[in-house]
Amino acid sequence: MRELAGRLNQPHSFVQKVETMERRLDVFEYSLYCKALGVDGHEGLDLLK
């Protein structure tokens, strides 16, 4: 979580809130999140099906 927060240039609490669904990502944040994880955004959305 801390490594991802560093990649996003966000505090670790930001990632924690996203992971626990306390905070939602907008489209731009989602694209940055996917890039930081090395996941294609389309593939990420396909996982929600």
C-alpha atoms as a PDB file:
ATOM      1  CA  MET A   1       0.000   0.000   0.000  1.00  0.00           C
ATOM      2  CA  ARG A   2       2.785   2.417   0.861  1.00  0.00           C
ATOM      3  CA  GLU A   3       4.655   1.653  -2.344  1.00  0.00           C
ATOM      4  CA  LEU A   4       1.526   2.306  -4.402  1.00  0.00           C
ATOM      5  CA  ALA A   5       0.901   5.539  -2.500  1.00  0.00           C
ATOM      6  CA  GLY A   6       4.444   6.615  -3.342  1.00  0.00           C
ATOM      7  CA  ARG A   7       3.903   5.852  -7.021  1.00  0.00           C
ATOM      8  CA  LEU A   8       0.713   7.927  -6.953  1.00  0.00           C
ATOM      9  CA  ASN A   9       2.366  10.724  -4.959  1.00  0.00           C
ATOM     10  CA  GLN A  10      -0.446  10.414  -2.439  1.00  0.00           C
ATOM     11  CA  PRO A  11      -0.489   9.670   1.289  1.00  0.00           C
ATOM     12  CA  HIS A  12      -0.906   6.035   2.248  1.00  0.00           C
ATOM     13  CA  SER A  13      -4.335   6.898   3.719  1.00  0.00           C
ATOM     14  CA  PHE A  14      -5.536   7.741   0.172  1.00  0.00           C
ATOM     15  CA  VAL A  15      -4.811   4.198  -1.021  1.00  0.00           C
ATOM     16  CA  GLN A  16      -6.272   2.718   2.154  1.00  0.00           C
ATOM     17  CA  LYS A  17      -9.541   4.601   1.655  1.00  0.00           C
ATOM     18  CA  VAL A  18      -9.731   3.478  -1.985  1.00  0.00           C
ATOM     19  CA  GLU A  19      -9.006  -0.142  -1.046  1.00  0.00           C
ATOM     20  CA  THR A  20     -11.671  -0.153   1.686  1.00  0.00           C
ATOM     21  CA  MET A  21     -14.161   1.582  -0.624  1.00  0.00           C
ATOM     22  CA  GLU A  22     -14.362   4.592   1.704  1.00  0.00           C
ATOM     23  CA  ARG A  23     -13.312   6.735  -1.262  1.00  0.00           C
ATOM     24  CA  ARG A  24     -14.118   6.416  -4.959  1.00  0.00           C
ATOM     25  CA  LEU A  25     -11.814   7.276  -7.820  1.00  0.00           C
ATOM     26  CA  ASP A  26     -12.807   9.581 -10.636  1.00  0.00           C
ATOM     27  CA  VAL A  27     -11.873   8.563 -14.186  1.00  0.00           C
ATOM     28  CA  PHE A  28      -8.565  10.429 -14.169  1.00  0.00           C
ATOM     29  CA  GLU A  29      -7.557   9.015 -10.789  1.00  0.00           C
ATOM     30  CA  TYR A  30      -8.556   5.541 -11.976  1.00  0.00           C
ATOM     31  CA  SER A  31      -6.251   5.814 -14.984  1.00  0.00           C
ATOM     32  CA  LEU A  32      -3.355   6.916 -12.738  1.00  0.00           C
ATOM     33  CA  TYR A  33      -4.118   4.108 -10.285  1.00  0.00           C
ATOM     34  CA  CYS A  34      -4.074   1.508 -13.067  1.00  0.00           C
ATOM     35  CA  LYS A  35      -0.843   2.887 -14.490  1.00  0.00           C
ATOM     36  CA  ALA A  36       0.801   2.750 -11.049  1.00  0.00           C
ATOM     37  CA  LEU A  37      -0.309  -0.876 -10.696  1.00  0.00           C
ATOM     38  CA  GLY A  38       0.809  -1.775 -14.201  1.00  0.00           C
ATOM     39  CA  VAL A  39      -2.736  -2.790 -15.164  1.00  0.00           C
ATOM     40  CA  ASP A  40      -4.509  -1.861 -18.374  1.00  0.00           C
ATOM     41  CA  GLY A  41      -7.547   0.249 -17.460  1.00  0.00           C
ATOM     42  CA  HIS A  42      -9.791  -1.740 -19.787  1.00  0.00           C
ATOM     43  CA  GLU A  43      -8.716  -4.987 -18.159  1.00  0.00           C
ATOM     44  CA  GLY A  44      -9.435  -3.482 -14.755  1.00  0.00           C
ATOM     45  CA  LEU A  45     -12.968  -2.616 -15.797  1.00  0.00           C
ATOM     46  CA  ASP A  46     -13.457  -6.087 -17.256  1.00  0.00           C
ATOM     47  CA  LEU A  47     -12.771  -7.514 -13.805  1.00  0.00           C
ATOM     48  CA  LEU A  48     -15.880  -5.748 -12.538  1.00  0.00           C
ATOM     49  CA  LYS A  49     -18.165  -7.741 -14.829  1.00  0.00           C
END
